[in-house]
Amino acid sequence: MSLFYVHNAPMRFRPEFTTLRAYAVITQSDKILLCRLGKDSAEPGLWTLPGGGGEFGETPEETCHRELMEETGLTADLQPFPFVNSRLFENVDSRVHSVRFFFRATITGGTLRNETNGSTDLATWVPIAEAATLHRADIVSVTLTEILPNRP
């Protein structure tokens, strides 16, 4: 826990957390696989990559495989040496340091389907040029600028 001031409020404790998150970056010709957050999520309608938070004891690769299957019904081979970045999120109740692994991946099996009773409600191929115009999570922006910079 850490001490901090909030707008001249008295000092108090605010928990800090570190999370591991892993995402699959999958493209086919000029399209990228994206998922839309569902109505029960923090930001319904926000477009994101297939992936999410690691469970205790999971490796980033295991997290990516599990989340990809849950959200899309697909399996994939992950390329070694993922792109890694981190971001700090702050709110009134806590501070979160999110360490994010972005794996380039190639589909090996499964059939694309939408997640049921989960955080997303749609998995679909989106033209890469169109992805930049969507209401999107910052991980999609990171993907477009850092991982796929030479794509249209």
Protein backbone atom coordinates (compact mmCIF):
# COMPACT_ATOMS: atom_id res chain seq x y z
CA MET A 1 0.00 0.00 0.00
CA SER A 2 1.09 3.57 -0.50
CA LEU A 3 0.37 6.93 1.03
CA PHE A 4 -0.87 9.76 -1.15
CA TYR A 5 -2.76 13.06 -1.16
CA VAL A 6 -6.03 13.54 -3.05
CA HIS A 7 -6.91 17.17 -3.69
CA ASN A 8 -5.70 18.32 -0.27
CA ALA A 9 -7.57 15.51 1.43
CA PRO A 10 -6.02 13.88 4.48
CA MET A 11 -3.41 11.23 3.83
CA ARG A 12 -4.77 7.70 3.47
CA PHE A 13 -3.72 4.33 2.17
CA ARG A 14 -4.40 3.38 -1.42
CA PRO A 15 -3.64 -0.16 -2.61
CA GLU A 16 -1.32 -0.72 -5.53
CA PHE A 17 -1.54 -3.74 -7.83
CA THR A 18 0.49 -5.13 -10.69
CA THR A 19 -1.36 -7.14 -13.32
CA LEU A 20 -0.13 -9.33 -16.15
CA ARG A 21 -2.15 -9.10 -19.36
CA ALA A 22 -1.59 -10.91 -22.67
CA TYR A 23 -3.08 -10.22 -26.10
CA ALA A 24 -3.09 -11.94 -29.49
CA VAL A 25 -2.29 -9.78 -32.51
CA ILE A 26 -3.68 -11.71 -35.46
CA THR A 27 -3.90 -10.34 -38.98
CA GLN A 28 -5.14 -11.79 -42.25
CA SER A 29 -4.25 -9.77 -45.33
CA ASP A 30 -5.51 -6.26 -44.52
CA LYS A 31 -7.63 -7.18 -41.47
CA ILE A 32 -7.03 -7.55 -37.74
CA LEU A 33 -9.01 -9.71 -35.31
CA LEU A 34 -10.75 -7.55 -32.71
CA CYS A 35 -13.32 -8.11 -29.97
CA ARG A 36 -15.98 -5.69 -28.76
CA LEU A 37 -16.57 -5.29 -25.03
CA GLY A 38 -20.07 -6.36 -24.00
CA LYS A 39 -22.82 -4.55 -22.13
CA ASP A 40 -21.68 -5.78 -18.72
CA SER A 41 -18.12 -4.52 -19.15
CA ALA A 42 -16.64 -1.27 -17.86
CA GLU A 43 -16.78 0.29 -21.36
CA PRO A 44 -19.45 -1.39 -23.52
CA GLY A 45 -18.78 -1.05 -27.24
CA LEU A 46 -15.03 -0.49 -26.86
CA TRP A 47 -12.98 -2.48 -29.38
CA THR A 48 -10.03 -4.44 -28.04
CA LEU A 49 -7.65 -7.26 -28.91
CA PRO A 50 -8.49 -10.81 -27.92
CA GLY A 51 -6.80 -11.31 -24.59
CA GLY A 52 -6.93 -10.19 -21.01
CA GLY A 53 -5.71 -10.70 -17.49
CA GLY A 54 -3.61 -13.58 -16.30
CA GLU A 55 -4.79 -15.96 -13.64
CA PHE A 56 -2.49 -16.73 -10.72
CA GLY A 57 0.40 -18.92 -11.86
CA GLU A 58 -0.26 -18.55 -15.61
CA THR A 59 2.52 -17.61 -17.98
CA PRO A 60 1.80 -14.83 -20.48
CA GLU A 61 1.58 -17.48 -23.22
CA GLU A 62 -0.96 -19.52 -21.25
CA THR A 63 -3.00 -16.39 -20.59
CA CYS A 64 -3.01 -15.49 -24.27
CA HIS A 65 -4.07 -18.99 -25.36
CA ARG A 66 -6.87 -19.19 -22.76
CA GLU A 67 -8.23 -15.71 -23.47
CA LEU A 68 -8.09 -16.22 -27.23
CA MET A 69 -10.13 -19.44 -26.92
CA GLU A 70 -12.64 -17.86 -24.50
CA GLU A 71 -13.25 -14.76 -26.60
CA THR A 72 -13.01 -16.13 -30.15
CA GLY A 73 -13.10 -19.94 -30.14
CA LEU A 74 -9.72 -19.98 -31.92
CA THR A 75 -6.36 -21.56 -31.19
CA ALA A 76 -3.09 -20.10 -32.40
CA ASP A 77 0.65 -20.44 -32.48
CA LEU A 78 2.29 -17.52 -30.71
CA GLN A 79 5.48 -16.04 -32.07
CA PRO A 80 8.34 -15.83 -29.57
CA PHE A 81 9.54 -12.51 -28.17
CA PRO A 82 6.31 -10.59 -27.70
CA PHE A 83 6.15 -6.81 -27.70
CA VAL A 84 5.86 -5.73 -24.05
CA ASN A 85 4.72 -2.43 -22.62
CA SER A 86 3.22 -1.21 -19.39
CA ARG A 87 0.79 1.44 -18.28
CA LEU A 88 -0.25 2.94 -14.97
CA PHE A 89 -3.96 3.32 -14.28
CA GLU A 90 -5.07 5.43 -11.34
CA ASN A 91 -8.45 5.84 -9.77
CA VAL A 92 -9.75 6.98 -6.41
CA ASP A 93 -9.50 3.53 -4.84
CA SER A 94 -6.30 2.07 -6.25
CA ARG A 95 -3.32 2.31 -8.56
CA VAL A 96 -2.70 -0.43 -11.11
CA HIS A 97 0.49 -1.12 -13.02
CA SER A 98 -0.53 -3.22 -16.02
CA VAL A 99 2.27 -5.16 -17.74
CA ARG A 100 1.05 -6.13 -21.20
CA PHE A 101 2.37 -8.79 -23.57
CA PHE A 102 1.40 -8.52 -27.26
CA PHE A 103 1.94 -11.79 -29.16
CA ARG A 104 1.89 -11.92 -32.96
CA ALA A 105 -0.08 -15.10 -33.62
CA THR A 106 -1.17 -17.41 -36.42
CA ILE A 107 -4.48 -19.26 -36.23
CA THR A 108 -4.10 -23.03 -36.03
CA GLY A 109 -7.64 -24.19 -35.32
CA GLY A 110 -11.13 -23.55 -34.08
CA THR A 111 -14.01 -21.63 -35.61
CA LEU A 112 -14.46 -17.91 -35.05
CA ARG A 113 -17.39 -17.35 -32.70
CA ASN A 114 -18.58 -14.76 -30.22
CA GLU A 115 -18.00 -15.18 -26.50
CA THR A 116 -21.06 -15.98 -24.41
CA ASN A 117 -21.46 -14.73 -20.85
CA GLY A 118 -18.06 -13.06 -20.90
CA SER A 119 -16.47 -9.65 -21.17
CA THR A 120 -16.90 -9.43 -24.96
CA ASP A 121 -19.93 -9.89 -27.20
CA LEU A 122 -18.44 -9.84 -30.71
CA ALA A 123 -15.26 -11.19 -32.32
CA THR A 124 -14.70 -10.15 -35.91
CA TRP A 125 -12.19 -9.23 -38.59
CA VAL A 126 -11.85 -5.47 -39.03
CA PRO A 127 -9.95 -3.74 -41.84
CA ILE A 128 -6.73 -2.41 -40.30
CA ALA A 129 -7.35 1.05 -41.78
CA GLU A 130 -10.81 1.09 -40.17
CA ALA A 131 -9.51 -0.04 -36.77
CA ALA A 132 -7.86 3.35 -36.28
CA THR A 133 -11.26 5.06 -36.54
CA LEU A 134 -13.10 2.88 -34.01
CA HIS A 135 -13.82 3.61 -30.35
CA ARG A 136 -10.89 1.46 -29.24
CA ALA A 137 -8.85 0.49 -26.23
CA ASP A 138 -5.34 1.90 -26.04
CA ILE A 139 -3.97 -1.60 -26.69
CA VAL A 140 -5.41 -1.40 -30.20
CA SER A 141 -3.70 1.96 -30.70
CA VAL A 142 -0.42 0.51 -29.40
CA THR A 143 -0.81 -2.38 -31.84
CA LEU A 144 -1.46 -0.09 -34.80
CA THR A 145 1.44 2.27 -34.04
CA GLU A 146 4.08 0.03 -32.45
CA ILE A 147 3.50 -3.50 -33.75
CA LEU A 148 1.95 -2.93 -37.19
CA PRO A 149 3.40 0.50 -38.08
CA ASN A 150 3.99 -0.27 -41.75
CA ARG A 151 0.43 -1.39 -42.32
CA PRO A 152 -2.13 1.03 -43.82
